[in-house]
Amino acid sequence: FIQELSNNTECSDIGQWLINYQLEQIFLKHKNSYNNNVTKKVSEITDLILGTIIYQNQDIHLKIISHIIAHENYYPYILLIDSFERCANKLDKAFLGLWRYKKLFEYINKSLITEHDKGLRDKDDWSINKKCKCSCQNCKITNDFLSQSTVDEKIWPLAQDARKHVESEIKALQIPVDTKIVMSGRPYQLILTKTSKLYENAKNRYDLVQKALKKMNQLSAMF
């Protein structure tokens, strides 16, 4: 739609207004939804960037780039590589610096290198760095279990309401921890078990970062 407006000089003002409006709406929407569906967020912000390039609106463009760099939770750096390439290719190489693509490139590349240099987690490392948002005593105990690197299971006698609460917090974190209820004795036991997916996910992520760094090395030829 923005591309169509840009082809009609009489509609140029409408297109500029639309970009400003979308900027406000997207920033607000992404803030309110925090880190939900980050792939969609990156797609939406990329479309907005392309709109600023079409209309040569550098002020808003620079504002978006700064916003992206300041909000890693909304726009994970590893998902920005394709967006970077797609948008940078719309500009002449001479303008990449002025439009802060050098800064965006350095941000993505440095973030990837920092993550890669941490190395692949050990297979015997069972620590999980995510925490329940709730600050109740049971969630504090859960967080302590998650953070322990040498403990992969917790057998926990808990009342029904407490069990349901802990289970819901674990589910919300989307982590490789299975929950099971053993219905013997009183209260029933909640069993939390960290699974092998913890290492598998880490290995997949490590491989993905390595692949991303190779891609960034290729893209460095732009500058």
C-alpha atoms as a PDB file:
ATOM      1  CA  PHE A   1       0.000   0.000   0.000  1.00  0.00           C
ATOM      2  CA  ILE A   2       2.822   2.424   0.882  1.00  0.00           C
ATOM      3  CA  GLN A   3       4.588   1.530  -2.382  1.00  0.00           C
ATOM      4  CA  GLU A   4       1.420   2.409  -4.325  1.00  0.00           C
ATOM      5  CA  LEU A   5       1.123   5.756  -2.558  1.00  0.00           C
ATOM      6  CA  SER A   6       4.750   6.606  -3.306  1.00  0.00           C
ATOM      7  CA  ASN A   7       4.047   6.291  -7.036  1.00  0.00           C
ATOM      8  CA  ASN A   8       1.458   9.048  -6.824  1.00  0.00           C
ATOM      9  CA  THR A   9       2.916  12.453  -5.914  1.00  0.00           C
ATOM     10  CA  GLU A  10      -0.526  13.727  -4.890  1.00  0.00           C
ATOM     11  CA  CYS A  11      -0.661  11.012  -2.233  1.00  0.00           C
ATOM     12  CA  SER A  12       2.834  11.653  -0.871  1.00  0.00           C
ATOM     13  CA  ASP A  13       1.590  13.559   2.180  1.00  0.00           C
ATOM     14  CA  ILE A  14      -0.822  10.739   2.975  1.00  0.00           C
ATOM     15  CA  GLY A  15       2.015   8.241   2.776  1.00  0.00           C
ATOM     16  CA  GLN A  16       4.186  10.283   5.142  1.00  0.00           C
ATOM     17  CA  TRP A  17       1.308  10.614   7.594  1.00  0.00           C
ATOM     18  CA  LEU A  18       0.680   6.870   7.361  1.00  0.00           C
ATOM     19  CA  ILE A  19       4.306   6.093   8.229  1.00  0.00           C
ATOM     20  CA  ASN A  20       4.152   8.369  11.279  1.00  0.00           C
ATOM     21  CA  TYR A  21       0.894   6.807  12.383  1.00  0.00           C
ATOM     22  CA  GLN A  22       2.182   3.261  11.901  1.00  0.00           C
ATOM     23  CA  LEU A  23       5.332   4.132  13.845  1.00  0.00           C
ATOM     24  CA  GLU A  24       3.322   5.193  16.880  1.00  0.00           C
ATOM     25  CA  GLN A  25       0.982   2.230  16.662  1.00  0.00           C
ATOM     26  CA  ILE A  26       3.699  -0.389  16.182  1.00  0.00           C
ATOM     27  CA  PHE A  27       5.864   0.939  19.008  1.00  0.00           C
ATOM     28  CA  LEU A  28       2.864   0.854  21.334  1.00  0.00           C
ATOM     29  CA  LYS A  29       1.707  -2.562  20.146  1.00  0.00           C
ATOM     30  CA  HIS A  30       5.137  -4.126  20.511  1.00  0.00           C
ATOM     31  CA  LYS A  31       5.601  -2.642  23.963  1.00  0.00           C
ATOM     32  CA  ASN A  32       2.273  -3.970  25.210  1.00  0.00           C
ATOM     33  CA  SER A  33       2.824  -7.475  23.832  1.00  0.00           C
ATOM     34  CA  TYR A  34       6.405  -7.556  25.233  1.00  0.00           C
ATOM     35  CA  ASN A  35       8.228 -10.583  23.751  1.00  0.00           C
ATOM     36  CA  ASN A  36       5.248 -12.446  22.263  1.00  0.00           C
ATOM     37  CA  ASN A  37       5.626 -13.472  18.602  1.00  0.00           C
ATOM     38  CA  VAL A  38       8.960 -11.761  17.985  1.00  0.00           C
ATOM     39  CA  THR A  39       9.078 -13.034  14.386  1.00  0.00           C
ATOM     40  CA  LYS A  40       5.944 -11.045  13.590  1.00  0.00           C
ATOM     41  CA  LYS A  41       7.363  -7.990  15.338  1.00  0.00           C
ATOM     42  CA  VAL A  42      10.516  -8.106  13.231  1.00  0.00           C
ATOM     43  CA  SER A  43       8.416  -8.475  10.082  1.00  0.00           C
ATOM     44  CA  GLU A  44       6.237  -5.494  10.989  1.00  0.00           C
ATOM     45  CA  ILE A  45       9.147  -3.231  11.871  1.00  0.00           C
ATOM     46  CA  THR A  46      10.924  -4.256   8.658  1.00  0.00           C
ATOM     47  CA  ASP A  47       7.929  -3.249   6.552  1.00  0.00           C
ATOM     48  CA  LEU A  48       7.921   0.111   8.313  1.00  0.00           C
ATOM     49  CA  ILE A  49      11.640   0.603   7.620  1.00  0.00           C
ATOM     50  CA  LEU A  50      11.047  -0.122   3.939  1.00  0.00           C
ATOM     51  CA  GLY A  51       8.314   2.505   3.965  1.00  0.00           C
ATOM     52  CA  THR A  52      10.726   5.140   5.285  1.00  0.00           C
ATOM     53  CA  ILE A  53      13.194   4.240   2.537  1.00  0.00           C
ATOM     54  CA  ILE A  54      10.516   4.574  -0.147  1.00  0.00           C
ATOM     55  CA  TYR A  55       9.633   8.050   1.128  1.00  0.00           C
ATOM     56  CA  GLN A  56      13.224   8.958   2.024  1.00  0.00           C
ATOM     57  CA  ASN A  57      12.115   9.783   5.552  1.00  0.00           C
ATOM     58  CA  GLN A  58      15.498   9.573   7.227  1.00  0.00           C
ATOM     59  CA  ASP A  59      14.418  11.014  10.590  1.00  0.00           C
ATOM     60  CA  ILE A  60      11.879   8.262  11.247  1.00  0.00           C
ATOM     61  CA  HIS A  61      14.212   5.676   9.763  1.00  0.00           C
ATOM     62  CA  LEU A  62      16.968   6.551  12.251  1.00  0.00           C
ATOM     63  CA  LYS A  63      14.456   6.550  15.069  1.00  0.00           C
ATOM     64  CA  ILE A  64      13.396   3.000  14.169  1.00  0.00           C
ATOM     65  CA  ILE A  65      17.004   1.762  13.971  1.00  0.00           C
ATOM     66  CA  SER A  66      17.721   3.175  17.437  1.00  0.00           C
ATOM     67  CA  HIS A  67      14.509   1.631  18.750  1.00  0.00           C
ATOM     68  CA  ILE A  68      15.470  -1.796  17.401  1.00  0.00           C
ATOM     69  CA  ILE A  69      18.930  -1.698  18.953  1.00  0.00           C
ATOM     70  CA  ALA A  70      17.502  -0.599  22.312  1.00  0.00           C
ATOM     71  CA  HIS A  71      14.893  -3.386  22.466  1.00  0.00           C
ATOM     72  CA  GLU A  72      16.512  -6.781  22.003  1.00  0.00           C
ATOM     73  CA  ASN A  73      13.562  -8.477  23.733  1.00  0.00           C
ATOM     74  CA  TYR A  74      11.240  -7.243  20.988  1.00  0.00           C
ATOM     75  CA  TYR A  75      13.610  -7.773  18.060  1.00  0.00           C
ATOM     76  CA  PRO A  76      16.146 -10.600  18.679  1.00  0.00           C
ATOM     77  CA  TYR A  77      19.363  -9.807  16.838  1.00  0.00           C
ATOM     78  CA  ILE A  78      19.527 -13.199  15.134  1.00  0.00           C
ATOM     79  CA  LEU A  79      16.172 -12.480  13.464  1.00  0.00           C
ATOM     80  CA  LEU A  80      17.358  -9.109  12.172  1.00  0.00           C
ATOM     81  CA  ILE A  81      19.899 -10.422   9.664  1.00  0.00           C
ATOM     82  CA  ASP A  82      17.461 -10.983   6.791  1.00  0.00           C
ATOM     83  CA  SER A  83      15.751  -7.670   7.546  1.00  0.00           C
ATOM     84  CA  PHE A  84      19.101  -5.902   7.523  1.00  0.00           C
ATOM     85  CA  GLU A  85      20.021  -7.367   4.130  1.00  0.00           C
ATOM     86  CA  ARG A  86      16.598  -6.694   2.639  1.00  0.00           C
ATOM     87  CA  CYS A  87      16.538  -3.041   3.728  1.00  0.00           C
ATOM     88  CA  ALA A  88      20.211  -2.246   3.120  1.00  0.00           C
ATOM     89  CA  ASN A  89      19.925  -3.474  -0.452  1.00  0.00           C
ATOM     90  CA  LYS A  90      17.359  -0.738  -1.075  1.00  0.00           C
ATOM     91  CA  LEU A  91      19.995   1.933  -0.499  1.00  0.00           C
ATOM     92  CA  ASP A  92      23.099   2.948  -2.386  1.00  0.00           C
ATOM     93  CA  LYS A  93      26.255   1.825  -0.554  1.00  0.00           C
ATOM     94  CA  ALA A  94      27.285   5.458  -0.148  1.00  0.00           C
ATOM     95  CA  PHE A  95      24.267   6.093   2.087  1.00  0.00           C
ATOM     96  CA  LEU A  96      24.505   3.031   4.343  1.00  0.00           C
ATOM     97  CA  GLY A  97      26.489   4.934   6.961  1.00  0.00           C
ATOM     98  CA  LEU A  98      24.175   7.944   6.982  1.00  0.00           C
ATOM     99  CA  TRP A  99      21.166   5.684   7.433  1.00  0.00           C
ATOM    100  CA  ARG A 100      22.955   3.861  10.302  1.00  0.00           C
ATOM    101  CA  TYR A 101      23.230   0.467   8.659  1.00  0.00           C
ATOM    102  CA  LYS A 102      26.855   0.273   9.736  1.00  0.00           C
ATOM    103  CA  LYS A 103      25.704   0.739  13.336  1.00  0.00           C
ATOM    104  CA  LEU A 104      22.961  -1.880  12.957  1.00  0.00           C
ATOM    105  CA  PHE A 105      25.407  -4.300  11.356  1.00  0.00           C
ATOM    106  CA  GLU A 106      27.897  -3.846  14.196  1.00  0.00           C
ATOM    107  CA  TYR A 107      25.152  -4.348  16.789  1.00  0.00           C
ATOM    108  CA  ILE A 108      23.998  -7.634  15.234  1.00  0.00           C
ATOM    109  CA  ASN A 109      27.520  -8.914  14.623  1.00  0.00           C
ATOM    110  CA  LYS A 110      28.816  -8.025  18.080  1.00  0.00           C
ATOM    111  CA  SER A 111      25.800  -9.640  19.747  1.00  0.00           C
ATOM    112  CA  LEU A 112      26.345 -12.848  17.777  1.00  0.00           C
ATOM    113  CA  ILE A 113      30.066 -12.935  18.586  1.00  0.00           C
ATOM    114  CA  THR A 114      29.385 -12.383  22.296  1.00  0.00           C
ATOM    115  CA  GLU A 115      26.901 -15.252  22.360  1.00  0.00           C
ATOM    116  CA  HIS A 116      29.162 -17.530  20.322  1.00  0.00           C
ATOM    117  CA  ASP A 117      32.174 -16.877  22.538  1.00  0.00           C
ATOM    118  CA  LYS A 118      30.277 -18.201  25.549  1.00  0.00           C
ATOM    119  CA  GLY A 119      30.540 -21.610  23.892  1.00  0.00           C
ATOM    120  CA  LEU A 120      28.150 -24.536  23.823  1.00  0.00           C
ATOM    121  CA  ARG A 121      26.714 -25.493  27.184  1.00  0.00           C
ATOM    122  CA  ASP A 122      27.934 -28.722  28.779  1.00  0.00           C
ATOM    123  CA  LYS A 123      25.641 -31.731  28.495  1.00  0.00           C
ATOM    124  CA  ASP A 124      25.729 -32.071  32.282  1.00  0.00           C
ATOM    125  CA  ASP A 125      24.727 -28.456  32.865  1.00  0.00           C
ATOM    126  CA  TRP A 126      21.069 -28.442  33.918  1.00  0.00           C
ATOM    127  CA  SER A 127      20.790 -24.755  34.772  1.00  0.00           C
ATOM    128  CA  ILE A 128      17.991 -22.690  33.247  1.00  0.00           C
ATOM    129  CA  ASN A 129      18.319 -18.920  33.425  1.00  0.00           C
ATOM    130  CA  LYS A 130      14.635 -18.100  33.066  1.00  0.00           C
ATOM    131  CA  LYS A 131      12.601 -17.187  36.137  1.00  0.00           C
ATOM    132  CA  CYS A 132       8.938 -17.211  37.106  1.00  0.00           C
ATOM    133  CA  LYS A 133       7.510 -13.700  37.079  1.00  0.00           C
ATOM    134  CA  CYS A 134       5.572 -14.364  40.263  1.00  0.00           C
ATOM    135  CA  SER A 135       7.421 -13.602  43.514  1.00  0.00           C
ATOM    136  CA  CYS A 136       5.524 -15.965  45.832  1.00  0.00           C
ATOM    137  CA  GLN A 137       7.485 -18.398  47.985  1.00  0.00           C
ATOM    138  CA  ASN A 138       6.720 -21.402  45.779  1.00  0.00           C
ATOM    139  CA  CYS A 139       7.903 -19.562  42.685  1.00  0.00           C
ATOM    140  CA  LYS A 140      11.099 -18.564  44.482  1.00  0.00           C
ATOM    141  CA  ILE A 141      11.681 -22.248  45.240  1.00  0.00           C
ATOM    142  CA  THR A 142      10.945 -23.075  41.596  1.00  0.00           C
ATOM    143  CA  ASN A 143      13.434 -20.455  40.409  1.00  0.00           C
ATOM    144  CA  ASP A 144      16.063 -21.889  42.712  1.00  0.00           C
ATOM    145  CA  PHE A 145      15.510 -25.355  41.220  1.00  0.00           C
ATOM    146  CA  LEU A 146      15.714 -24.000  37.672  1.00  0.00           C
ATOM    147  CA  SER A 147      19.010 -22.228  38.358  1.00  0.00           C
ATOM    148  CA  GLN A 148      20.780 -25.297  39.781  1.00  0.00           C
ATOM    149  CA  SER A 149      23.257 -26.756  37.308  1.00  0.00           C
ATOM    150  CA  THR A 150      23.605 -30.192  38.951  1.00  0.00           C
ATOM    151  CA  VAL A 151      19.945 -30.918  39.766  1.00  0.00           C
ATOM    152  CA  ASP A 152      17.557 -32.116  37.068  1.00  0.00           C
ATOM    153  CA  GLU A 153      14.576 -33.262  39.145  1.00  0.00           C
ATOM    154  CA  LYS A 154      12.530 -31.991  42.059  1.00  0.00           C
ATOM    155  CA  ILE A 155       9.968 -34.061  43.979  1.00  0.00           C
ATOM    156  CA  TRP A 156       7.705 -31.642  45.749  1.00  0.00           C
ATOM    157  CA  PRO A 157       4.680 -32.340  48.009  1.00  0.00           C
ATOM    158  CA  LEU A 158       2.286 -29.469  47.330  1.00  0.00           C
ATOM    159  CA  ALA A 159      -1.370 -28.666  47.872  1.00  0.00           C
ATOM    160  CA  GLN A 160      -3.573 -28.612  44.762  1.00  0.00           C
ATOM    161  CA  ASP A 161      -3.734 -24.835  44.284  1.00  0.00           C
ATOM    162  CA  ALA A 162       0.019 -24.506  44.713  1.00  0.00           C
ATOM    163  CA  ARG A 163       0.654 -27.338  42.242  1.00  0.00           C
ATOM    164  CA  LYS A 164      -1.544 -25.732  39.619  1.00  0.00           C
ATOM    165  CA  HIS A 165       0.128 -22.376  40.145  1.00  0.00           C
ATOM    166  CA  VAL A 166       3.662 -23.761  39.742  1.00  0.00           C
ATOM    167  CA  GLU A 167       2.614 -25.792  36.693  1.00  0.00           C
ATOM    168  CA  SER A 168       1.145 -22.682  35.041  1.00  0.00           C
ATOM    169  CA  GLU A 169       4.305 -20.687  35.730  1.00  0.00           C
ATOM    170  CA  ILE A 170       6.481 -23.428  34.228  1.00  0.00           C
ATOM    171  CA  LYS A 171       4.244 -23.585  31.160  1.00  0.00           C
ATOM    172  CA  ALA A 172       4.409 -19.812  30.718  1.00  0.00           C
ATOM    173  CA  LEU A 173       8.209 -19.910  30.670  1.00  0.00           C
ATOM    174  CA  GLN A 174       8.205 -22.340  27.707  1.00  0.00           C
ATOM    175  CA  ILE A 175      11.197 -24.259  29.012  1.00  0.00           C
ATOM    176  CA  PRO A 176      12.158 -27.963  28.707  1.00  0.00           C
ATOM    177  CA  VAL A 177      10.762 -28.985  32.072  1.00  0.00           C
ATOM    178  CA  ASP A 178       8.157 -31.735  32.368  1.00  0.00           C
ATOM    179  CA  THR A 179       5.607 -31.731  35.176  1.00  0.00           C
ATOM    180  CA  LYS A 180       3.961 -34.783  36.672  1.00  0.00           C
ATOM    181  CA  ILE A 181       1.669 -35.357  39.632  1.00  0.00           C
ATOM    182  CA  VAL A 182       2.062 -38.479  41.773  1.00  0.00           C
ATOM    183  CA  MET A 183      -1.244 -39.090  43.490  1.00  0.00           C
ATOM    184  CA  SER A 184      -0.078 -40.944  46.559  1.00  0.00           C
ATOM    185  CA  GLY A 185       0.055 -39.598  50.081  1.00  0.00           C
ATOM    186  CA  ARG A 186      -1.130 -36.172  51.140  1.00  0.00           C
ATOM    187  CA  PRO A 187      -0.484 -33.711  49.716  1.00  0.00           C
ATOM    188  CA  TYR A 188       0.129 -35.146  46.253  1.00  0.00           C
ATOM    189  CA  GLN A 189       3.623 -34.761  44.840  1.00  0.00           C
ATOM    190  CA  LEU A 190       4.527 -32.459  41.968  1.00  0.00           C
ATOM    191  CA  ILE A 191       7.556 -33.751  40.084  1.00  0.00           C
ATOM    192  CA  LEU A 192       9.542 -31.292  37.976  1.00  0.00           C
ATOM    193  CA  THR A 193      12.014 -32.824  35.514  1.00  0.00           C
ATOM    194  CA  LYS A 194      14.429 -30.975  33.257  1.00  0.00           C
ATOM    195  CA  THR A 195      14.613 -32.805  29.914  1.00  0.00           C
ATOM    196  CA  SER A 196      17.337 -33.542  27.361  1.00  0.00           C
ATOM    197  CA  LYS A 197      15.829 -30.842  25.147  1.00  0.00           C
ATOM    198  CA  LEU A 198      17.733 -28.357  27.290  1.00  0.00           C
ATOM    199  CA  TYR A 199      20.998 -29.418  25.649  1.00  0.00           C
ATOM    200  CA  GLU A 200      19.398 -30.122  22.263  1.00  0.00           C
ATOM    201  CA  ASN A 201      17.956 -26.617  22.126  1.00  0.00           C
ATOM    202  CA  ALA A 202      21.310 -25.156  23.153  1.00  0.00           C
ATOM    203  CA  LYS A 203      23.100 -27.122  20.415  1.00  0.00           C
ATOM    204  CA  ASN A 204      20.602 -26.005  17.785  1.00  0.00           C
ATOM    205  CA  ARG A 205      21.000 -22.411  18.910  1.00  0.00           C
ATOM    206  CA  TYR A 206      24.793 -22.649  18.856  1.00  0.00           C
ATOM    207  CA  ASP A 207      24.729 -24.035  15.308  1.00  0.00           C
ATOM    208  CA  LEU A 208      22.327 -21.279  14.273  1.00  0.00           C
ATOM    209  CA  VAL A 209      24.634 -18.596  15.671  1.00  0.00           C
ATOM    210  CA  GLN A 210      27.594 -20.070  13.792  1.00  0.00           C
ATOM    211  CA  LYS A 211      25.589 -20.012  10.570  1.00  0.00           C
ATOM    212  CA  ALA A 212      24.491 -16.438  11.271  1.00  0.00           C
ATOM    213  CA  LEU A 213      28.093 -15.299  11.772  1.00  0.00           C
ATOM    214  CA  LYS A 214      29.049 -16.723   8.388  1.00  0.00           C
ATOM    215  CA  LYS A 215      26.177 -14.778   6.843  1.00  0.00           C
ATOM    216  CA  MET A 216      27.285 -11.587   8.589  1.00  0.00           C
ATOM    217  CA  ASN A 217      30.802 -12.102   7.252  1.00  0.00           C
ATOM    218  CA  GLN A 218      29.362 -12.185   3.734  1.00  0.00           C
ATOM    219  CA  LEU A 219      27.291  -9.066   4.381  1.00  0.00           C
ATOM    220  CA  SER A 220      30.345  -7.160   5.623  1.00  0.00           C
ATOM    221  CA  ALA A 221      31.280  -6.706   1.958  1.00  0.00           C
ATOM    222  CA  MET A 222      28.551  -4.072   1.802  1.00  0.00           C
ATOM    223  CA  PHE A 223      30.772  -1.598   3.640  1.00  0.00           C
END
